[in-house]
PDB file of N, CA and C in Angstrom:
ATOM      1  N   MET A   1     104.745 106.836 114.086  1.00  0.00           N
ATOM      2  CA  MET A   1     104.385 107.706 112.975  1.00  0.00           C
ATOM      3  C   MET A   1     105.647 108.269 112.320  1.00  0.00           C
ATOM      4  N   LYS A   2     106.724 108.444 113.094  1.00  0.00           N
ATOM      5  CA  LYS A   2     107.964 108.946 112.502  1.00  0.00           C
ATOM      6  C   LYS A   2     108.496 107.975 111.469  1.00  0.00           C
ATOM      7  N   GLU A   3     108.469 106.674 111.790  1.00  0.00           N
ATOM      8  CA  GLU A   3     108.947 105.665 110.842  1.00  0.00           C
ATOM      9  C   GLU A   3     107.992 105.490 109.678  1.00  0.00           C
ATOM     10  N   LEU A   4     106.706 105.599 109.937  1.00  0.00           N
ATOM     11  CA  LEU A   4     105.691 105.400 108.895  1.00  0.00           C
ATOM     12  C   LEU A   4     105.729 106.501 107.853  1.00  0.00           C
ATOM     13  N   LYS A   5     105.993 107.718 108.269  1.00  0.00           N
ATOM     14  CA  LYS A   5     106.001 108.866 107.370  1.00  0.00           C
ATOM     15  C   LYS A   5     104.708 108.927 106.552  1.00  0.00           C
ATOM     16  N   PRO A   6     103.580 109.101 107.229  1.00  0.00           N
ATOM     17  CA  PRO A   6     102.293 109.103 106.520  1.00  0.00           C
ATOM     18  C   PRO A   6     102.225 110.212 105.473  1.00  0.00           C
ATOM     19  N   ASP A   7     101.692 109.856 104.319  1.00  0.00           N
ATOM     20  CA  ASP A   7     101.532 110.840 103.248  1.00  0.00           C
ATOM     21  C   ASP A   7     100.103 110.878 102.711  1.00  0.00           C
ATOM     22  N   CYS A   8      99.204 110.182 103.418  1.00  0.00           N
ATOM     23  CA  CYS A   8      97.793 110.221 103.041  1.00  0.00           C
ATOM     24  C   CYS A   8      96.952 109.925 104.285  1.00  0.00           C
ATOM     25  N   LEU A   9      95.689 110.203 104.193  1.00  0.00           N
ATOM     26  CA  LEU A   9      94.778 109.999 105.316  1.00  0.00           C
ATOM     27  C   LEU A   9      94.720 108.527 105.726  1.00  0.00           C
ATOM     28  N   GLU A  10      94.754 107.619 104.753  1.00  0.00           N
ATOM     29  CA  GLU A  10      94.705 106.179 105.047  1.00  0.00           C
ATOM     30  C   GLU A  10      95.853 105.763 105.955  1.00  0.00           C
ATOM     31  N   ASP A  11      97.043 106.319 105.749  1.00  0.00           N
ATOM     32  CA  ASP A  11      98.182 105.999 106.608  1.00  0.00           C
ATOM     33  C   ASP A  11      97.942 106.470 108.040  1.00  0.00           C
ATOM     34  N   LEU A  12      97.361 107.637 108.203  1.00  0.00           N
ATOM     35  CA  LEU A  12      97.056 108.137 109.546  1.00  0.00           C
ATOM     36  C   LEU A  12      96.035 107.253 110.256  1.00  0.00           C
ATOM     37  N   ILE A  13      95.001 106.883 109.526  1.00  0.00           N
ATOM     38  CA  ILE A  13      93.951 106.035 110.101  1.00  0.00           C
ATOM     39  C   ILE A  13      94.525 104.679 110.491  1.00  0.00           C
ATOM     40  N   ALA A  14      95.312 104.076 109.613  1.00  0.00           N
ATOM     41  CA  ALA A  14      95.910 102.774 109.912  1.00  0.00           C
ATOM     42  C   ALA A  14      96.891 102.885 111.078  1.00  0.00           C
ATOM     43  N   GLY A  15      97.671 103.947 111.121  1.00  0.00           N
ATOM     44  CA  GLY A  15      98.614 104.136 112.216  1.00  0.00           C
ATOM     45  C   GLY A  15      97.920 104.193 113.564  1.00  0.00           C
ATOM     46  N   VAL A  16      96.825 104.914 113.629  1.00  0.00           N
ATOM     47  CA  VAL A  16      96.049 105.006 114.872  1.00  0.00           C
ATOM     48  C   VAL A  16      95.405 103.652 115.183  1.00  0.00           C
ATOM     49  N   SER A  17      94.904 102.967 114.164  1.00  0.00           N
ATOM     50  CA  SER A  17      94.254 101.668 114.361  1.00  0.00           C
ATOM     51  C   SER A  17      95.240 100.605 114.831  1.00  0.00           C
ATOM     52  N   LEU A  18      96.468 100.678 114.360  1.00  0.00           N
ATOM     53  CA  LEU A  18      97.478  99.688 114.748  1.00  0.00           C
ATOM     54  C   LEU A  18      98.019  99.924 116.149  1.00  0.00           C
ATOM     55  N   TYR A  19      97.864 101.111 116.661  1.00  0.00           N
ATOM     56  CA  TYR A  19      98.436 101.441 117.957  1.00  0.00           C
ATOM     57  C   TYR A  19      97.514 100.982 119.085  1.00  0.00           C
ATOM     58  N   ARG A  20      97.325  99.661 119.150  1.00  0.00           N
ATOM     59  CA  ARG A  20      96.543  99.006 120.198  1.00  0.00           C
ATOM     60  C   ARG A  20      97.292  97.729 120.589  1.00  0.00           C
ATOM     61  N   PRO A  21      97.036  97.179 121.770  1.00  0.00           N
ATOM     62  CA  PRO A  21      97.806  96.019 122.238  1.00  0.00           C
ATOM     63  C   PRO A  21      97.881  94.840 121.263  1.00  0.00           C
ATOM     64  N   GLY A  22      96.803  94.438 120.628  1.00  0.00           N
ATOM     65  CA  GLY A  22      96.843  93.293 119.710  1.00  0.00           C
ATOM     66  C   GLY A  22      97.578  93.588 118.409  1.00  0.00           C
ATOM     67  N   PRO A  23      97.099  94.550 117.636  1.00  0.00           N
ATOM     68  CA  PRO A  23      97.692  94.835 116.329  1.00  0.00           C
ATOM     69  C   PRO A  23      99.040  95.535 116.379  1.00  0.00           C
ATOM     70  N   MET A  24      99.461  95.985 117.549  1.00  0.00           N
ATOM     71  CA  MET A  24     100.715  96.739 117.652  1.00  0.00           C
ATOM     72  C   MET A  24     101.906  95.939 117.108  1.00  0.00           C
ATOM     73  N   ASP A  25     101.835  94.621 117.187  1.00  0.00           N
ATOM     74  CA  ASP A  25     102.907  93.771 116.658  1.00  0.00           C
ATOM     75  C   ASP A  25     103.049  93.906 115.146  1.00  0.00           C
ATOM     76  N   GLN A  26     102.003  94.380 114.473  1.00  0.00           N
ATOM     77  CA  GLN A  26     102.015  94.494 113.019  1.00  0.00           C
ATOM     78  C   GLN A  26     102.594  95.829 112.521  1.00  0.00           C
ATOM     79  N   ILE A  27     102.903  96.744 113.415  1.00  0.00           N
ATOM     80  CA  ILE A  27     103.403  98.057 112.993  1.00  0.00           C
ATOM     81  C   ILE A  27     104.670  97.939 112.145  1.00  0.00           C
ATOM     82  N   PRO A  28     105.693  97.165 112.566  1.00  0.00           N
ATOM     83  CA  PRO A  28     106.889  97.056 111.713  1.00  0.00           C
ATOM     84  C   PRO A  28     106.582  96.487 110.331  1.00  0.00           C
ATOM     85  N   ARG A  29     105.689  95.513 110.262  1.00  0.00           N
ATOM     86  CA  ARG A  29     105.311  94.934 108.966  1.00  0.00           C
ATOM     87  C   ARG A  29     104.601  95.968 108.094  1.00  0.00           C
ATOM     88  N   TYR A  30     103.716  96.747 108.706  1.00  0.00           N
ATOM     89  CA  TYR A  30     102.993  97.781 107.963  1.00  0.00           C
ATOM     90  C   TYR A  30     103.970  98.816 107.407  1.00  0.00           C
ATOM     91  N   VAL A  31     104.892  99.277 108.250  1.00  0.00           N
ATOM     92  CA  VAL A  31     105.878 100.278 107.818  1.00  0.00           C
ATOM     93  C   VAL A  31     106.737  99.711 106.691  1.00  0.00           C
ATOM     94  N   LYS A  32     107.188  98.471 106.848  1.00  0.00           N
ATOM     95  CA  LYS A  32     107.998  97.827 105.806  1.00  0.00           C
ATOM     96  C   LYS A  32     107.213  97.721 104.496  1.00  0.00           C
ATOM     97  N   GLY A  33     105.931  97.345 104.603  1.00  0.00           N
ATOM     98  CA  GLY A  33     105.090  97.228 103.412  1.00  0.00           C
ATOM     99  C   GLY A  33     104.864  98.555 102.722  1.00  0.00           C
ATOM    100  N   LYS A  34     104.717  99.613 103.494  1.00  0.00           N
ATOM    101  CA  LYS A  34     104.515 100.935 102.906  1.00  0.00           C
ATOM    102  C   LYS A  34     105.774 101.407 102.192  1.00  0.00           C
ATOM    103  N   LEU A  35     106.927 101.166 102.811  1.00  0.00           N
ATOM    104  CA  LEU A  35     108.180 101.630 102.228  1.00  0.00           C
ATOM    105  C   LEU A  35     108.645 100.771 101.061  1.00  0.00           C
ATOM    106  N   ASN A  36     108.200  99.505 100.998  1.00  0.00           N
ATOM    107  CA  ASN A  36     108.562  98.585  99.918  1.00  0.00           C
ATOM    108  C   ASN A  36     107.306  97.900  99.385  1.00  0.00           C
ATOM    109  N   PRO A  37     106.409  98.641  98.743  1.00  0.00           N
ATOM    110  CA  PRO A  37     105.105  98.073  98.380  1.00  0.00           C
ATOM    111  C   PRO A  37     105.155  96.864  97.449  1.00  0.00           C
ATOM    112  N   GLY A  38     106.166  96.712  96.661  1.00  0.00           N
ATOM    113  CA  GLY A  38     106.244  95.568  95.762  1.00  0.00           C
ATOM    114  C   GLY A  38     106.663  94.286  96.433  1.00  0.00           C
ATOM    115  N   HIS A  39     107.046  94.353  97.689  1.00  0.00           N
ATOM    116  CA  HIS A  39     107.551  93.183  98.401  1.00  0.00           C
ATOM    117  C   HIS A  39     106.576  92.638  99.447  1.00  0.00           C
ATOM    118  N   ASN A  40     105.341  93.077  99.416  1.00  0.00           N
ATOM    119  CA  ASN A  40     104.350  92.581 100.371  1.00  0.00           C
ATOM    120  C   ASN A  40     104.056  91.122 100.077  1.00  0.00           C
ATOM    121  N   GLU A  41     103.937  90.327 101.140  1.00  0.00           N
ATOM    122  CA  GLU A  41     103.666  88.899 100.992  1.00  0.00           C
ATOM    123  C   GLU A  41     102.274  88.579 101.517  1.00  0.00           C
ATOM    124  N   TYR A  42     101.583  87.714 100.797  1.00  0.00           N
ATOM    125  CA  TYR A  42     100.250  87.278 101.186  1.00  0.00           C
ATOM    126  C   TYR A  42     100.284  85.760 101.287  1.00  0.00           C
ATOM    127  N   THR A  43      99.750  85.215 102.369  1.00  0.00           N
ATOM    128  CA  THR A  43      99.789  83.767 102.550  1.00  0.00           C
ATOM    129  C   THR A  43      98.869  83.029 101.588  1.00  0.00           C
ATOM    130  N   HIS A  44      97.946  83.754 100.977  1.00  0.00           N
ATOM    131  CA  HIS A  44      97.041  83.178  99.982  1.00  0.00           C
ATOM    132  C   HIS A  44      96.718  84.269  98.966  1.00  0.00           C
ATOM    133  N   PRO A  45      96.659  83.919  97.678  1.00  0.00           N
ATOM    134  CA  PRO A  45      96.383  84.937  96.654  1.00  0.00           C
ATOM    135  C   PRO A  45      95.070  85.688  96.851  1.00  0.00           C
ATOM    136  N   ARG A  46      94.084  85.052  97.468  1.00  0.00           N
ATOM    137  CA  ARG A  46      92.792  85.714  97.672  1.00  0.00           C
ATOM    138  C   ARG A  46      92.840  86.767  98.771  1.00  0.00           C
ATOM    139  N   LEU A  47      93.937  86.826  99.515  1.00  0.00           N
ATOM    140  CA  LEU A  47      94.079  87.856 100.546  1.00  0.00           C
ATOM    141  C   LEU A  47      94.533  89.191  99.960  1.00  0.00           C
ATOM    142  N   GLU A  48      95.185  89.158  98.822  1.00  0.00           N
ATOM    143  CA  GLU A  48      95.739  90.392  98.261  1.00  0.00           C
ATOM    144  C   GLU A  48      94.702  91.486  98.034  1.00  0.00           C
ATOM    145  N   PRO A  49      93.564  91.204  97.403  1.00  0.00           N
ATOM    146  CA  PRO A  49      92.596  92.301  97.211  1.00  0.00           C
ATOM    147  C   PRO A  49      92.007  92.839  98.512  1.00  0.00           C
ATOM    148  N   ILE A  50      92.032  92.038  99.557  1.00  0.00           N
ATOM    149  CA  ILE A  50      91.480  92.467 100.843  1.00  0.00           C
ATOM    150  C   ILE A  50      92.504  93.275 101.629  1.00  0.00           C
ATOM    151  N   LEU A  51      93.767  92.851 101.569  1.00  0.00           N
ATOM    152  CA  LEU A  51      94.802  93.436 102.425  1.00  0.00           C
ATOM    153  C   LEU A  51      95.760  94.381 101.710  1.00  0.00           C
ATOM    154  N   ASN A  52      95.595  94.570 100.407  1.00  0.00           N
ATOM    155  CA  ASN A  52      96.568  95.408  99.689  1.00  0.00           C
ATOM    156  C   ASN A  52      96.561  96.859 100.157  1.00  0.00           C
ATOM    157  N   VAL A  53      95.435  97.368 100.598  1.00  0.00           N
ATOM    158  CA  VAL A  53      95.353  98.756 101.062  1.00  0.00           C
ATOM    159  C   VAL A  53      96.121  98.956 102.371  1.00  0.00           C
ATOM    160  N   THR A  54      96.336  97.870 103.114  1.00  0.00           N
ATOM    161  CA  THR A  54      97.080  97.951 104.371  1.00  0.00           C
ATOM    162  C   THR A  54      98.391  97.162 104.272  1.00  0.00           C
ATOM    163  N   TYR A  55      98.901  97.046 103.061  1.00  0.00           N
ATOM    164  CA  TYR A  55     100.230  96.465 102.810  1.00  0.00           C
ATOM    165  C   TYR A  55     100.379  95.060 103.366  1.00  0.00           C
ATOM    166  N   GLY A  56      99.330  94.266 103.262  1.00  0.00           N
ATOM    167  CA  GLY A  56      99.388  92.869 103.678  1.00  0.00           C
ATOM    168  C   GLY A  56      99.100  92.622 105.145  1.00  0.00           C
ATOM    169  N   CYS A  57      98.779  93.641 105.909  1.00  0.00           N
ATOM    170  CA  CYS A  57      98.489  93.500 107.343  1.00  0.00           C
ATOM    171  C   CYS A  57      96.984  93.553 107.591  1.00  0.00           C
ATOM    172  N   MET A  58      96.526  92.708 108.514  1.00  0.00           N
ATOM    173  CA  MET A  58      95.133  92.810 108.946  1.00  0.00           C
ATOM    174  C   MET A  58      95.057  93.916 109.991  1.00  0.00           C
ATOM    175  N   VAL A  59      94.431  95.011 109.634  1.00  0.00           N
ATOM    176  CA  VAL A  59      94.356  96.180 110.507  1.00  0.00           C
ATOM    177  C   VAL A  59      92.942  96.382 111.029  1.00  0.00           C
ATOM    178  N   TYR A  60      91.967  96.199 110.168  1.00  0.00           N
ATOM    179  CA  TYR A  60      90.591  96.537 110.501  1.00  0.00           C
ATOM    180  C   TYR A  60      89.741  95.293 110.706  1.00  0.00           C
ATOM    181  N   GLN A  61      88.770  95.401 111.589  1.00  0.00           N
ATOM    182  CA  GLN A  61      87.836  94.307 111.844  1.00  0.00           C
ATOM    183  C   GLN A  61      87.109  93.914 110.557  1.00  0.00           C
ATOM    184  N   GLU A  62      86.810  94.886 109.726  1.00  0.00           N
ATOM    185  CA  GLU A  62      86.103  94.606 108.471  1.00  0.00           C
ATOM    186  C   GLU A  62      86.938  93.714 107.555  1.00  0.00           C
ATOM    187  N   GLN A  63      88.251  93.873 107.597  1.00  0.00           N
ATOM    188  CA  GLN A  63      89.120  93.000 106.796  1.00  0.00           C
ATOM    189  C   GLN A  63      89.037  91.565 107.304  1.00  0.00           C
ATOM    190  N   VAL A  64      89.049  91.389 108.608  1.00  0.00           N
ATOM    191  CA  VAL A  64      88.946  90.049 109.193  1.00  0.00           C
ATOM    192  C   VAL A  64      87.613  89.418 108.801  1.00  0.00           C
ATOM    193  N   MET A  65      86.544  90.196 108.873  1.00  0.00           N
ATOM    194  CA  MET A  65      85.225  89.685 108.512  1.00  0.00           C
ATOM    195  C   MET A  65      85.172  89.287 107.039  1.00  0.00           C
ATOM    196  N   GLN A  66      85.785  90.073 106.166  1.00  0.00           N
ATOM    197  CA  GLN A  66      85.787  89.746 104.740  1.00  0.00           C
ATOM    198  C   GLN A  66      86.621  88.501 104.470  1.00  0.00           C
ATOM    199  N   ILE A  67      87.725  88.332 105.170  1.00  0.00           N
ATOM    200  CA  ILE A  67      88.555  87.135 105.007  1.00  0.00           C
ATOM    201  C   ILE A  67      87.783  85.895 105.435  1.00  0.00           C
ATOM    202  N   VAL A  68      87.101  85.972 106.567  1.00  0.00           N
ATOM    203  CA  VAL A  68      86.308  84.843 107.042  1.00  0.00           C
ATOM    204  C   VAL A  68      85.210  84.508 106.042  1.00  0.00           C
ATOM    205  N   ARG A  69      84.614  85.513 105.477  1.00  0.00           N
ATOM    206  CA  ARG A  69      83.547  85.294 104.490  1.00  0.00           C
ATOM    207  C   ARG A  69      84.103  84.716 103.196  1.00  0.00           C
ATOM    208  N   ASP A  70      85.149  85.341 102.639  1.00  0.00           N
ATOM    209  CA  ASP A  70      85.641  84.962 101.325  1.00  0.00           C
ATOM    210  C   ASP A  70      86.463  83.672 101.327  1.00  0.00           C
ATOM    211  N   LEU A  71      87.286  83.468 102.327  1.00  0.00           N
ATOM    212  CA  LEU A  71      88.159  82.303 102.337  1.00  0.00           C
ATOM    213  C   LEU A  71      87.570  81.104 103.072  1.00  0.00           C
ATOM    214  N   ALA A  72      86.805  81.366 104.127  1.00  0.00           N
ATOM    215  CA  ALA A  72      86.253  80.257 104.906  1.00  0.00           C
ATOM    216  C   ALA A  72      84.807  79.937 104.531  1.00  0.00           C
ATOM    217  N   GLY A  73      84.183  80.802 103.735  1.00  0.00           N
ATOM    218  CA  GLY A  73      82.831  80.538 103.271  1.00  0.00           C
ATOM    219  C   GLY A  73      81.739  80.846 104.281  1.00  0.00           C
ATOM    220  N   TYR A  74      82.065  81.583 105.319  1.00  0.00           N
ATOM    221  CA  TYR A  74      81.057  81.950 106.300  1.00  0.00           C
ATOM    222  C   TYR A  74      80.161  83.053 105.749  1.00  0.00           C
ATOM    223  N   SER A  75      78.947  83.077 106.228  1.00  0.00           N
ATOM    224  CA  SER A  75      78.006  84.125 105.880  1.00  0.00           C
ATOM    225  C   SER A  75      78.016  85.163 106.991  1.00  0.00           C
ATOM    226  N   LEU A  76      77.897  86.423 106.637  1.00  0.00           N
ATOM    227  CA  LEU A  76      77.854  87.476 107.638  1.00  0.00           C
ATOM    228  C   LEU A  76      76.415  87.766 108.116  1.00  0.00           C
ATOM    229  N   ARG A  77      75.474  87.005 107.577  1.00  0.00           N
ATOM    230  CA  ARG A  77      74.084  87.173 107.999  1.00  0.00           C
ATOM    231  C   ARG A  77      73.896  86.649 109.397  1.00  0.00           C
ATOM    232  N   LYS A  78      72.977  87.257 110.101  1.00  0.00           N
ATOM    233  CA  LYS A  78      72.638  86.775 111.438  1.00  0.00           C
ATOM    234  C   LYS A  78      71.728  85.565 111.297  1.00  0.00           C
ATOM    235  N   SER A  79      72.049  84.496 112.011  1.00  0.00           N
ATOM    236  CA  SER A  79      71.245  83.255 111.917  1.00  0.00           C
ATOM    237  C   SER A  79      70.077  83.286 112.846  1.00  0.00           C
TER     238      SER A  79
END
């Protein structure tokens, strides 16, 4: 949190969400993206509207679900 320097509620929520064994590797990328927002990289243009709020990092399960739906064409309906 010292490096992140949160200035809004979203930063606090993302910081807490990233502080878990899997996503913890993304903390440096998130901090870099927050400090240099114009330099965020997306592996596909369709990821930008999904990941722009988290500076190009997949932080939330809902983001993963939206990526699977939008890019892979999966339905979120129960079969």
